[in-house]
């Protein structure tokens, strides 16, 4: 909603605000009742120009802030952590100073594209939710309808939100399963027999 609508709604009594929410969702969810105090926050996002410096690397909300849409901030933060761990492991393995800006440069390069894509994507989605321009409204409605009706599309978008199609840090990649030796399998069966 617009900032003016938010300010107006902030001053409403709980029952009046609940009725406005009911109207906003077209009665789709039935009667609304507020359970506790309400919070108001701007639907805005931001990201920093540089993710690293000498002896510092920014991750999570120190590097990017999102409105709470589809948990993108959390998912980005998890990928930040995994990418930073990978960068530090690689620097240590190469005998480099893990805190040097030169060592952290690969972390910044690895994260920049993902953060930019998510920041812009969430911003576009947020702006589409606020506009009342009919063509945008129709496109948004068609997109939400397709998302709800087409299972493979919904699963693909959900996967992309959690595990991006871009190269994932090693910590987030599936590890190949190791084959067990016959002796290990026999020991495992023996343990199961002993416990049962």
N, C-alpha and C. Protein backbone atom coordinates (compact mmCIF):
# COMPACT_ATOMS: atom_id res chain seq x y z
N UNK A 1 0.84 -1.18 0.00
CA UNK A 1 0.00 0.00 0.00
C UNK A 1 0.88 1.23 0.00
N UNK A 2 0.28 2.33 -0.32
CA UNK A 2 1.05 3.57 -0.34
C UNK A 2 1.39 3.99 1.09
N UNK A 3 2.36 4.88 1.22
CA UNK A 3 2.75 5.37 2.54
C UNK A 3 1.57 6.07 3.22
N UNK A 4 0.77 6.82 2.44
CA UNK A 4 -0.38 7.52 3.02
C UNK A 4 -1.41 6.52 3.55
N UNK A 5 -1.68 5.45 2.79
CA UNK A 5 -2.63 4.42 3.27
C UNK A 5 -2.10 3.74 4.53
N UNK A 6 -0.80 3.49 4.57
CA UNK A 6 -0.21 2.85 5.74
C UNK A 6 -0.36 3.74 6.97
N UNK A 7 -0.11 5.03 6.81
CA UNK A 7 -0.25 5.96 7.94
C UNK A 7 -1.70 6.00 8.42
N UNK A 8 -2.65 6.03 7.48
CA UNK A 8 -4.07 6.04 7.85
C UNK A 8 -4.44 4.77 8.59
N UNK A 9 -3.97 3.63 8.09
CA UNK A 9 -4.31 2.35 8.72
C UNK A 9 -3.63 2.18 10.07
N UNK A 10 -2.48 2.79 10.26
CA UNK A 10 -1.78 2.69 11.54
C UNK A 10 -2.65 3.25 12.67
N UNK A 11 -3.48 4.26 12.36
CA UNK A 11 -4.31 4.92 13.37
C UNK A 11 -5.66 4.24 13.60
N UNK A 12 -5.98 3.18 12.84
CA UNK A 12 -7.27 2.52 12.98
C UNK A 12 -7.31 1.65 14.24
N UNK A 13 -8.51 1.51 14.80
CA UNK A 13 -8.72 0.57 15.90
C UNK A 13 -8.57 -0.85 15.35
N UNK A 14 -8.21 -1.82 16.19
CA UNK A 14 -8.00 -3.19 15.70
C UNK A 14 -9.17 -3.77 14.89
N UNK A 15 -10.40 -3.53 15.34
CA UNK A 15 -11.56 -4.04 14.60
C UNK A 15 -11.70 -3.40 13.23
N UNK A 16 -11.45 -2.10 13.14
CA UNK A 16 -11.52 -1.41 11.84
C UNK A 16 -10.43 -1.90 10.89
N UNK A 17 -9.23 -2.12 11.43
CA UNK A 17 -8.13 -2.61 10.59
C UNK A 17 -8.44 -4.03 10.10
N UNK A 18 -9.00 -4.86 10.97
CA UNK A 18 -9.36 -6.22 10.56
C UNK A 18 -10.38 -6.19 9.42
N UNK A 19 -11.37 -5.28 9.49
CA UNK A 19 -12.36 -5.18 8.41
C UNK A 19 -11.72 -4.70 7.11
N UNK A 20 -10.77 -3.78 7.20
CA UNK A 20 -10.07 -3.33 5.99
C UNK A 20 -9.26 -4.46 5.35
N UNK A 21 -8.65 -5.29 6.19
CA UNK A 21 -7.90 -6.43 5.67
C UNK A 21 -8.85 -7.40 4.97
N UNK A 22 -10.01 -7.66 5.58
CA UNK A 22 -11.03 -8.52 4.96
C UNK A 22 -11.40 -7.99 3.58
N UNK A 23 -11.65 -6.68 3.49
CA UNK A 23 -12.01 -6.08 2.20
C UNK A 23 -10.86 -6.20 1.20
N UNK A 24 -9.63 -6.00 1.68
CA UNK A 24 -8.46 -6.04 0.80
C UNK A 24 -8.32 -7.40 0.12
N UNK A 25 -8.62 -8.48 0.84
CA UNK A 25 -8.50 -9.82 0.27
C UNK A 25 -9.83 -10.32 -0.29
N UNK A 26 -10.80 -9.42 -0.40
CA UNK A 26 -12.07 -9.76 -1.02
C UNK A 26 -12.89 -10.78 -0.24
N UNK A 27 -12.71 -10.86 1.07
CA UNK A 27 -13.46 -11.81 1.87
C UNK A 27 -13.06 -13.26 1.64
N UNK A 28 -12.00 -13.46 0.91
CA UNK A 28 -11.55 -14.80 0.53
C UNK A 28 -11.24 -15.68 1.72
N UNK A 29 -10.76 -15.09 2.80
CA UNK A 29 -10.35 -15.85 3.98
C UNK A 29 -11.36 -15.77 5.12
N UNK A 30 -12.53 -15.19 4.87
CA UNK A 30 -13.54 -15.08 5.90
C UNK A 30 -13.28 -13.92 6.84
N UNK A 31 -13.94 -13.96 8.01
CA UNK A 31 -13.82 -12.89 8.99
C UNK A 31 -12.41 -12.85 9.56
N UNK A 32 -11.88 -11.65 9.70
CA UNK A 32 -10.53 -11.47 10.24
C UNK A 32 -10.62 -10.92 11.65
N UNK A 33 -9.65 -11.32 12.46
CA UNK A 33 -9.51 -10.78 13.80
C UNK A 33 -8.02 -10.64 14.07
N UNK A 34 -7.61 -9.51 14.60
CA UNK A 34 -6.20 -9.28 14.89
C UNK A 34 -5.84 -9.95 16.20
N UNK A 35 -4.71 -10.60 16.23
CA UNK A 35 -4.25 -11.31 17.42
C UNK A 35 -2.96 -10.67 17.90
N UNK A 36 -3.08 -9.55 18.57
CA UNK A 36 -1.90 -8.86 19.07
C UNK A 36 -1.68 -7.55 18.35
N UNK A 37 -0.62 -6.85 18.75
CA UNK A 37 -0.34 -5.54 18.15
C UNK A 37 0.17 -5.69 16.71
N UNK A 38 -0.03 -4.65 15.93
CA UNK A 38 0.39 -4.64 14.53
C UNK A 38 1.67 -3.85 14.38
N UNK A 39 2.45 -4.25 13.42
CA UNK A 39 3.67 -3.53 13.09
C UNK A 39 3.59 -3.02 11.67
N UNK A 40 4.22 -1.93 11.40
CA UNK A 40 4.23 -1.34 10.07
C UNK A 40 5.67 -1.11 9.67
N UNK A 41 6.00 -1.45 8.45
CA UNK A 41 7.37 -1.25 7.97
C UNK A 41 7.33 -0.96 6.48
N UNK A 42 8.28 -0.20 6.00
CA UNK A 42 8.30 0.12 4.56
C UNK A 42 8.70 -1.10 3.75
N UNK A 43 8.06 -1.28 2.60
CA UNK A 43 8.40 -2.37 1.69
C UNK A 43 9.49 -1.86 0.78
N UNK A 44 10.71 -1.90 1.26
CA UNK A 44 11.84 -1.40 0.50
C UNK A 44 12.99 -2.38 0.61
N UNK A 45 13.89 -2.28 -0.29
CA UNK A 45 15.07 -3.13 -0.26
C UNK A 45 16.30 -2.29 -0.52
N UNK A 46 17.43 -2.86 -0.16
CA UNK A 46 18.69 -2.18 -0.44
C UNK A 46 19.81 -3.20 -0.44
N UNK A 47 20.88 -2.84 -1.10
CA UNK A 47 22.08 -3.66 -1.05
C UNK A 47 23.28 -2.72 -1.09
N UNK A 48 24.39 -3.22 -0.59
CA UNK A 48 25.59 -2.39 -0.52
C UNK A 48 26.33 -2.40 -1.85
N UNK A 49 27.16 -1.40 -2.06
CA UNK A 49 27.93 -1.32 -3.30
C UNK A 49 29.10 -2.29 -3.29
N UNK A 50 29.65 -2.59 -2.12
CA UNK A 50 30.81 -3.47 -2.03
C UNK A 50 30.61 -4.43 -0.85
N UNK A 51 30.81 -5.73 -1.11
CA UNK A 51 30.56 -6.76 -0.10
C UNK A 51 31.76 -7.08 0.78
N UNK A 52 32.91 -6.54 0.46
CA UNK A 52 34.10 -6.92 1.21
C UNK A 52 35.08 -5.74 1.27
N UNK A 53 36.00 -5.86 2.19
CA UNK A 53 37.12 -4.94 2.32
C UNK A 53 38.23 -5.68 3.03
N UNK A 54 39.23 -4.97 3.47
CA UNK A 54 40.32 -5.63 4.20
C UNK A 54 39.79 -6.10 5.55
N UNK A 55 39.84 -7.38 5.79
CA UNK A 55 39.42 -8.02 7.03
C UNK A 55 37.94 -7.90 7.34
N UNK A 56 37.12 -7.68 6.30
CA UNK A 56 35.67 -7.62 6.53
C UNK A 56 34.93 -8.15 5.31
N UNK A 57 33.89 -8.90 5.58
CA UNK A 57 32.99 -9.38 4.53
C UNK A 57 31.57 -9.22 5.06
N UNK A 58 30.70 -8.67 4.26
CA UNK A 58 29.31 -8.45 4.67
C UNK A 58 28.45 -9.61 4.17
N UNK A 59 27.61 -10.13 5.06
CA UNK A 59 26.68 -11.19 4.71
C UNK A 59 25.30 -10.82 5.25
N UNK A 60 24.30 -11.52 4.77
CA UNK A 60 22.95 -11.35 5.30
C UNK A 60 22.46 -9.92 5.18
N UNK A 61 21.77 -9.46 6.21
CA UNK A 61 21.16 -8.14 6.15
C UNK A 61 22.17 -7.00 6.28
N UNK A 62 23.41 -7.31 6.55
CA UNK A 62 24.44 -6.28 6.47
C UNK A 62 24.78 -6.00 5.00
N UNK A 63 24.48 -6.97 4.13
CA UNK A 63 24.79 -6.84 2.71
C UNK A 63 23.57 -6.52 1.86
N UNK A 64 22.39 -6.95 2.30
CA UNK A 64 21.17 -6.74 1.52
C UNK A 64 19.95 -6.84 2.43
N UNK A 65 18.96 -6.00 2.19
CA UNK A 65 17.73 -6.00 2.99
C UNK A 65 16.56 -6.10 2.02
N UNK A 66 15.62 -6.97 2.36
CA UNK A 66 14.44 -7.20 1.52
C UNK A 66 13.18 -7.06 2.34
N UNK A 67 12.08 -6.70 1.67
CA UNK A 67 10.80 -6.85 2.35
C UNK A 67 10.54 -8.35 2.48
N UNK A 68 9.72 -8.76 3.43
CA UNK A 68 9.52 -10.20 3.66
C UNK A 68 8.65 -10.85 2.59
N UNK A 69 9.20 -10.99 1.40
CA UNK A 69 8.49 -11.63 0.30
C UNK A 69 9.21 -12.93 -0.06
N UNK A 70 8.56 -14.06 0.15
CA UNK A 70 9.04 -15.36 -0.30
C UNK A 70 10.39 -15.75 0.30
N UNK A 71 10.73 -15.24 1.44
CA UNK A 71 11.95 -15.62 2.18
C UNK A 71 13.23 -15.42 1.37
N UNK A 72 13.23 -14.51 0.43
CA UNK A 72 14.42 -14.32 -0.40
C UNK A 72 15.61 -13.79 0.40
N UNK A 73 15.36 -12.98 1.41
CA UNK A 73 16.46 -12.49 2.23
C UNK A 73 17.14 -13.62 2.98
N UNK A 74 16.38 -14.54 3.53
CA UNK A 74 16.94 -15.69 4.23
C UNK A 74 17.74 -16.56 3.27
N UNK A 75 17.17 -16.87 2.12
CA UNK A 75 17.84 -17.74 1.16
C UNK A 75 19.14 -17.11 0.67
N UNK A 76 19.12 -15.81 0.40
CA UNK A 76 20.35 -15.12 0.00
C UNK A 76 21.39 -15.18 1.11
N UNK A 77 20.96 -14.99 2.33
CA UNK A 77 21.88 -15.00 3.46
C UNK A 77 22.56 -16.35 3.60
N UNK A 78 21.81 -17.43 3.42
CA UNK A 78 22.40 -18.76 3.50
C UNK A 78 23.45 -18.97 2.40
N UNK A 79 23.14 -18.47 1.20
CA UNK A 79 24.12 -18.59 0.11
C UNK A 79 25.34 -17.69 0.37
N UNK A 80 25.12 -16.52 1.00
CA UNK A 80 26.25 -15.65 1.38
C UNK A 80 27.21 -16.41 2.30
N UNK A 81 26.65 -17.05 3.31
CA UNK A 81 27.46 -17.76 4.30
C UNK A 81 28.25 -18.87 3.62
N UNK A 82 27.57 -19.66 2.80
CA UNK A 82 28.24 -20.78 2.12
C UNK A 82 29.34 -20.27 1.19
N UNK A 83 29.08 -19.17 0.48
CA UNK A 83 30.09 -18.62 -0.44
C UNK A 83 31.29 -18.06 0.33
N UNK A 84 31.04 -17.43 1.47
CA UNK A 84 32.14 -16.90 2.27
C UNK A 84 32.99 -18.04 2.84
N UNK A 85 32.35 -19.08 3.33
CA UNK A 85 33.09 -20.23 3.84
C UNK A 85 33.97 -20.82 2.73
N UNK A 86 33.40 -20.95 1.54
CA UNK A 86 34.18 -21.48 0.41
C UNK A 86 35.38 -20.58 0.09
N UNK A 87 35.16 -19.29 0.07
CA UNK A 87 36.25 -18.35 -0.19
C UNK A 87 37.36 -18.47 0.84
N UNK A 88 36.98 -18.55 2.11
CA UNK A 88 37.98 -18.65 3.17
C UNK A 88 38.72 -19.98 3.12
N UNK A 89 38.01 -21.06 2.85
CA UNK A 89 38.66 -22.37 2.72
C UNK A 89 39.67 -22.36 1.58
N UNK A 90 39.27 -21.79 0.44
CA UNK A 90 40.17 -21.74 -0.72
C UNK A 90 41.40 -20.90 -0.43
N UNK A 91 41.22 -19.75 0.22
CA UNK A 91 42.36 -18.89 0.55
C UNK A 91 43.32 -19.60 1.51
N UNK A 92 42.77 -20.26 2.50
CA UNK A 92 43.61 -20.98 3.47
C UNK A 92 44.36 -22.12 2.77
N UNK A 93 43.67 -22.86 1.90
CA UNK A 93 44.31 -23.97 1.18
C UNK A 93 45.45 -23.48 0.29
N UNK A 94 45.32 -22.26 -0.23
CA UNK A 94 46.36 -21.69 -1.09
C UNK A 94 47.44 -20.96 -0.28
N UNK A 95 47.32 -20.99 1.06
CA UNK A 95 48.32 -20.34 1.90
C UNK A 95 48.21 -18.83 1.93
N UNK A 96 47.05 -18.29 1.58
CA UNK A 96 46.86 -16.83 1.56
C UNK A 96 46.27 -16.34 2.87
N UNK A 97 46.40 -15.06 3.11
CA UNK A 97 45.78 -14.41 4.26
C UNK A 97 44.28 -14.37 4.01
N UNK A 98 43.50 -15.06 4.84
CA UNK A 98 42.06 -15.15 4.58
C UNK A 98 41.34 -13.81 4.76
N UNK A 99 41.94 -12.87 5.45
CA UNK A 99 41.31 -11.57 5.66
C UNK A 99 41.72 -10.50 4.67
N UNK A 100 42.65 -10.82 3.80
CA UNK A 100 43.11 -9.82 2.82
C UNK A 100 42.01 -9.53 1.81
N UNK A 101 41.93 -8.29 1.39
CA UNK A 101 40.92 -7.91 0.39
C UNK A 101 41.06 -8.74 -0.88
N UNK A 102 42.28 -9.06 -1.27
CA UNK A 102 42.50 -9.87 -2.46
C UNK A 102 41.88 -11.26 -2.29
N UNK A 103 41.94 -11.81 -1.08
CA UNK A 103 41.34 -13.12 -0.82
C UNK A 103 39.81 -13.06 -0.84
N UNK A 104 39.25 -11.97 -0.34
CA UNK A 104 37.80 -11.83 -0.24
C UNK A 104 37.16 -11.36 -1.55
N UNK A 105 37.98 -10.97 -2.51
CA UNK A 105 37.45 -10.48 -3.78
C UNK A 105 36.58 -11.52 -4.48
N UNK A 106 36.96 -12.80 -4.40
CA UNK A 106 36.16 -13.84 -5.08
C UNK A 106 34.80 -14.00 -4.42
N UNK A 107 34.70 -13.74 -3.11
CA UNK A 107 33.40 -13.76 -2.43
C UNK A 107 32.49 -12.69 -3.02
N UNK A 108 33.00 -11.48 -3.16
CA UNK A 108 32.21 -10.39 -3.74
C UNK A 108 31.75 -10.70 -5.15
N UNK A 109 32.67 -11.24 -5.95
CA UNK A 109 32.32 -11.58 -7.34
C UNK A 109 31.28 -12.69 -7.40
N UNK A 110 31.42 -13.68 -6.50
CA UNK A 110 30.49 -14.82 -6.51
C UNK A 110 29.08 -14.40 -6.09
N UNK A 111 28.95 -13.44 -5.22
CA UNK A 111 27.63 -13.08 -4.68
C UNK A 111 26.95 -11.95 -5.42
N UNK A 112 27.68 -11.10 -6.13
CA UNK A 112 27.11 -9.89 -6.73
C UNK A 112 25.92 -10.20 -7.64
N UNK A 113 26.04 -11.17 -8.55
CA UNK A 113 24.97 -11.44 -9.51
C UNK A 113 23.70 -11.93 -8.84
N UNK A 114 23.82 -12.87 -7.91
CA UNK A 114 22.66 -13.42 -7.21
C UNK A 114 21.94 -12.33 -6.42
N UNK A 115 22.71 -11.50 -5.70
CA UNK A 115 22.11 -10.43 -4.91
C UNK A 115 21.40 -9.43 -5.81
N UNK A 116 22.03 -9.05 -6.91
CA UNK A 116 21.43 -8.09 -7.83
C UNK A 116 20.14 -8.64 -8.44
N UNK A 117 20.18 -9.90 -8.87
CA UNK A 117 18.98 -10.52 -9.45
C UNK A 117 17.83 -10.54 -8.46
N UNK A 118 18.10 -10.95 -7.22
CA UNK A 118 17.04 -11.04 -6.21
C UNK A 118 16.54 -9.65 -5.81
N UNK A 119 17.45 -8.70 -5.65
CA UNK A 119 17.05 -7.35 -5.27
C UNK A 119 16.11 -6.76 -6.31
N UNK A 120 16.50 -6.86 -7.57
CA UNK A 120 15.66 -6.32 -8.64
C UNK A 120 14.36 -7.10 -8.80
N UNK A 121 14.43 -8.43 -8.69
CA UNK A 121 13.23 -9.25 -8.82
C UNK A 121 12.20 -8.96 -7.74
N UNK A 122 12.65 -8.88 -6.50
CA UNK A 122 11.74 -8.58 -5.39
C UNK A 122 11.19 -7.16 -5.52
N UNK A 123 12.01 -6.22 -5.98
CA UNK A 123 11.56 -4.85 -6.17
C UNK A 123 10.46 -4.79 -7.25
N UNK A 124 10.65 -5.50 -8.34
CA UNK A 124 9.64 -5.53 -9.41
C UNK A 124 8.35 -6.16 -8.89
N UNK A 125 8.46 -7.27 -8.17
CA UNK A 125 7.27 -7.91 -7.61
C UNK A 125 6.56 -6.97 -6.65
N UNK A 126 7.31 -6.32 -5.78
CA UNK A 126 6.73 -5.38 -4.82
C UNK A 126 6.02 -4.24 -5.54
N UNK A 127 6.66 -3.67 -6.55
CA UNK A 127 6.04 -2.56 -7.28
C UNK A 127 4.78 -3.03 -8.02
N UNK A 128 4.80 -4.27 -8.53
CA UNK A 128 3.61 -4.76 -9.23
C UNK A 128 2.44 -4.94 -8.27
N UNK A 129 2.74 -5.20 -7.00
CA UNK A 129 1.68 -5.35 -6.01
C UNK A 129 1.07 -4.01 -5.63
N UNK A 130 1.85 -2.93 -5.78
CA UNK A 130 1.37 -1.61 -5.38
C UNK A 130 0.66 -0.85 -6.50
N UNK A 131 0.84 -1.25 -7.74
CA UNK A 131 0.27 -0.50 -8.85
C UNK A 131 -1.18 -0.89 -9.11
N UNK A 132 -1.94 0.05 -9.60
CA UNK A 132 -3.31 -0.23 -10.00
C UNK A 132 -3.48 0.00 -11.50
N UNK A 133 -2.38 -0.08 -12.25
CA UNK A 133 -2.39 0.06 -13.70
C UNK A 133 -2.92 -1.25 -14.28
N UNK A 134 -4.01 -1.21 -15.04
CA UNK A 134 -4.73 -2.40 -15.46
C UNK A 134 -3.86 -3.45 -16.17
N UNK A 135 -3.02 -3.09 -17.14
CA UNK A 135 -2.20 -4.14 -17.77
C UNK A 135 -1.28 -4.86 -16.79
N UNK A 136 -0.70 -4.12 -15.85
CA UNK A 136 0.17 -4.74 -14.85
C UNK A 136 -0.67 -5.61 -13.92
N UNK A 137 -1.84 -5.13 -13.56
CA UNK A 137 -2.75 -5.90 -12.71
C UNK A 137 -3.14 -7.21 -13.39
N UNK A 138 -3.43 -7.17 -14.69
CA UNK A 138 -3.80 -8.39 -15.43
C UNK A 138 -2.61 -9.36 -15.51
N UNK A 139 -1.43 -8.83 -15.79
CA UNK A 139 -0.24 -9.68 -15.87
C UNK A 139 0.06 -10.33 -14.52
N UNK A 140 -0.05 -9.55 -13.46
CA UNK A 140 0.18 -10.09 -12.12
C UNK A 140 -0.83 -11.19 -11.80
N UNK A 141 -2.10 -10.93 -12.11
CA UNK A 141 -3.14 -11.93 -11.86
C UNK A 141 -2.91 -13.20 -12.67
N UNK A 142 -2.52 -13.05 -13.94
CA UNK A 142 -2.24 -14.22 -14.78
C UNK A 142 -1.05 -14.99 -14.23
N UNK A 143 -0.04 -14.27 -13.78
CA UNK A 143 1.14 -14.93 -13.21
C UNK A 143 0.80 -15.71 -11.95
N UNK A 144 0.01 -15.11 -11.05
CA UNK A 144 -0.37 -15.81 -9.82
C UNK A 144 -1.27 -17.01 -10.13
N UNK A 145 -2.14 -16.85 -11.12
CA UNK A 145 -3.01 -17.97 -11.52
C UNK A 145 -2.16 -19.11 -12.06
N UNK A 146 -1.22 -18.80 -12.94
CA UNK A 146 -0.34 -19.84 -13.50
C UNK A 146 0.46 -20.51 -12.38
N UNK A 147 0.95 -19.71 -11.44
CA UNK A 147 1.73 -20.25 -10.32
C UNK A 147 0.89 -21.23 -9.51
N UNK A 148 -0.38 -20.90 -9.29
CA UNK A 148 -1.22 -21.76 -8.45
C UNK A 148 -1.73 -22.99 -9.20
N UNK A 149 -1.84 -22.91 -10.52
CA UNK A 149 -2.45 -24.01 -11.28
C UNK A 149 -1.44 -24.95 -11.95
N UNK A 150 -0.24 -24.50 -12.19
CA UNK A 150 0.73 -25.31 -12.94
C UNK A 150 1.81 -25.79 -11.97
N UNK A 151 1.67 -27.04 -11.54
CA UNK A 151 2.57 -27.62 -10.55
C UNK A 151 4.04 -27.54 -10.92
N UNK A 152 4.44 -27.95 -12.14
CA UNK A 152 5.86 -27.89 -12.49
C UNK A 152 6.41 -26.45 -12.45
N UNK A 153 5.62 -25.48 -12.85
CA UNK A 153 6.05 -24.08 -12.79
C UNK A 153 6.23 -23.66 -11.34
N UNK A 154 5.28 -24.00 -10.49
CA UNK A 154 5.34 -23.65 -9.07
C UNK A 154 6.59 -24.28 -8.43
N UNK A 155 6.83 -25.57 -8.71
CA UNK A 155 7.99 -26.23 -8.13
C UNK A 155 9.30 -25.63 -8.64
N UNK A 156 9.34 -25.28 -9.94
CA UNK A 156 10.56 -24.68 -10.50
C UNK A 156 10.84 -23.33 -9.85
N UNK A 157 9.80 -22.51 -9.66
CA UNK A 157 10.00 -21.20 -9.03
C UNK A 157 10.39 -21.33 -7.57
N UNK A 158 9.81 -22.31 -6.89
CA UNK A 158 10.17 -22.52 -5.48
C UNK A 158 11.62 -22.99 -5.37
N UNK A 159 12.03 -23.90 -6.26
CA UNK A 159 13.43 -24.37 -6.25
C UNK A 159 14.38 -23.21 -6.52
N UNK A 160 14.02 -22.37 -7.49
CA UNK A 160 14.88 -21.24 -7.85
C UNK A 160 15.00 -20.26 -6.68
N UNK A 161 13.92 -20.11 -5.92
CA UNK A 161 13.97 -19.22 -4.76
C UNK A 161 14.92 -19.71 -3.68
N UNK A 162 15.01 -21.03 -3.51
CA UNK A 162 15.85 -21.61 -2.47
C UNK A 162 17.26 -21.88 -2.99
N UNK A 163 17.34 -22.62 -4.08
CA UNK A 163 18.63 -23.00 -4.66
C UNK A 163 18.69 -22.47 -6.08
N UNK A 164 19.32 -21.37 -6.25
CA UNK A 164 19.39 -20.69 -7.52
C UNK A 164 19.97 -21.58 -8.62
N UNK A 165 19.63 -21.29 -9.86
CA UNK A 165 20.17 -22.05 -11.00
C UNK A 165 21.63 -21.71 -11.25
N UNK A 166 22.09 -20.66 -10.63
CA UNK A 166 23.50 -20.29 -10.77
C UNK A 166 24.36 -21.30 -10.01
N UNK A 167 25.65 -21.23 -10.18
CA UNK A 167 26.54 -22.15 -9.48
C UNK A 167 26.42 -21.93 -7.98
N UNK A 168 26.17 -22.99 -7.27
CA UNK A 168 26.03 -22.92 -5.82
C UNK A 168 27.39 -23.10 -5.15
N UNK A 169 27.58 -22.48 -3.99
CA UNK A 169 28.80 -22.74 -3.21
C UNK A 169 28.86 -24.24 -2.87
N UNK A 170 30.05 -24.75 -2.66
CA UNK A 170 30.24 -26.19 -2.39
C UNK A 170 29.39 -26.68 -1.22
N UNK A 171 29.27 -25.86 -0.18
CA UNK A 171 28.48 -26.29 0.99
C UNK A 171 27.02 -26.57 0.65
N UNK A 172 26.52 -25.99 -0.44
CA UNK A 172 25.12 -26.15 -0.79
C UNK A 172 24.90 -27.14 -1.93
N UNK A 173 25.96 -27.71 -2.42
CA UNK A 173 25.84 -28.69 -3.50
C UNK A 173 25.63 -30.07 -2.89
N UNK A 174 24.87 -30.88 -3.59
CA UNK A 174 24.63 -32.24 -3.14
C UNK A 174 25.94 -33.02 -3.18
N UNK A 175 26.19 -33.73 -2.12
CA UNK A 175 27.41 -34.54 -2.07
C UNK A 175 27.10 -35.93 -2.62
N UNK A 176 27.99 -36.46 -3.43
CA UNK A 176 27.75 -37.82 -3.93
C UNK A 176 27.77 -38.81 -2.77
N UNK A 177 26.88 -39.78 -2.85
CA UNK A 177 26.82 -40.79 -1.81
C UNK A 177 27.96 -41.78 -2.01
N UNK A 178 28.63 -42.09 -0.93
CA UNK A 178 29.73 -43.05 -1.01
C UNK A 178 29.17 -44.46 -0.87
N UNK A 179 29.70 -45.35 -1.66
CA UNK A 179 29.30 -46.76 -1.57
C UNK A 179 29.90 -47.35 -0.29
N UNK A 180 29.11 -48.12 0.39
CA UNK A 180 29.60 -48.76 1.61
C UNK A 180 30.31 -50.06 1.25
N UNK A 181 31.34 -50.33 2.01
CA UNK A 181 32.03 -51.60 1.81
C UNK A 181 31.15 -52.72 2.35
N UNK A 182 31.33 -53.95 1.86
CA UNK A 182 30.54 -55.07 2.39
C UNK A 182 30.72 -55.24 3.89
N UNK A 183 31.95 -54.95 4.41
CA UNK A 183 32.20 -55.09 5.84
C UNK A 183 31.38 -54.05 6.63
N UNK A 184 31.30 -52.81 6.10
CA UNK A 184 30.53 -51.77 6.79
C UNK A 184 29.05 -52.14 6.79
N UNK A 185 28.56 -52.66 5.68
CA UNK A 185 27.16 -53.07 5.61
C UNK A 185 26.89 -54.20 6.59
N UNK A 186 27.83 -55.15 6.69
CA UNK A 186 27.67 -56.27 7.61
C UNK A 186 27.67 -55.77 9.06
N UNK A 187 28.56 -54.82 9.38
CA UNK A 187 28.61 -54.26 10.73
C UNK A 187 27.32 -53.53 11.05
N UNK A 188 26.78 -52.81 10.07
CA UNK A 188 25.53 -52.09 10.27
C UNK A 188 24.40 -53.07 10.55
N UNK A 189 24.33 -54.16 9.78
CA UNK A 189 23.29 -55.18 9.99
C UNK A 189 23.46 -55.81 11.37
N UNK A 190 24.71 -56.05 11.80
CA UNK A 190 24.95 -56.61 13.11
C UNK A 190 24.46 -55.69 14.22
N UNK A 191 24.70 -54.41 14.06
CA UNK A 191 24.22 -53.44 15.04
C UNK A 191 22.71 -53.43 15.12
N UNK A 192 22.09 -53.51 13.96
CA UNK A 192 20.63 -53.52 13.94
C UNK A 192 20.10 -54.75 14.63
N UNK A 193 20.73 -55.89 14.38
CA UNK A 193 20.29 -57.14 15.03
C UNK A 193 20.46 -57.06 16.54
N UNK A 194 21.59 -56.50 17.00
CA UNK A 194 21.85 -56.42 18.42
C UNK A 194 20.82 -55.54 19.12
N UNK A 195 20.41 -54.45 18.48
CA UNK A 195 19.47 -53.53 19.11
C UNK A 195 18.05 -54.07 19.08
N UNK A 196 17.71 -54.90 18.13
CA UNK A 196 16.33 -55.37 18.01
C UNK A 196 16.08 -56.62 18.77
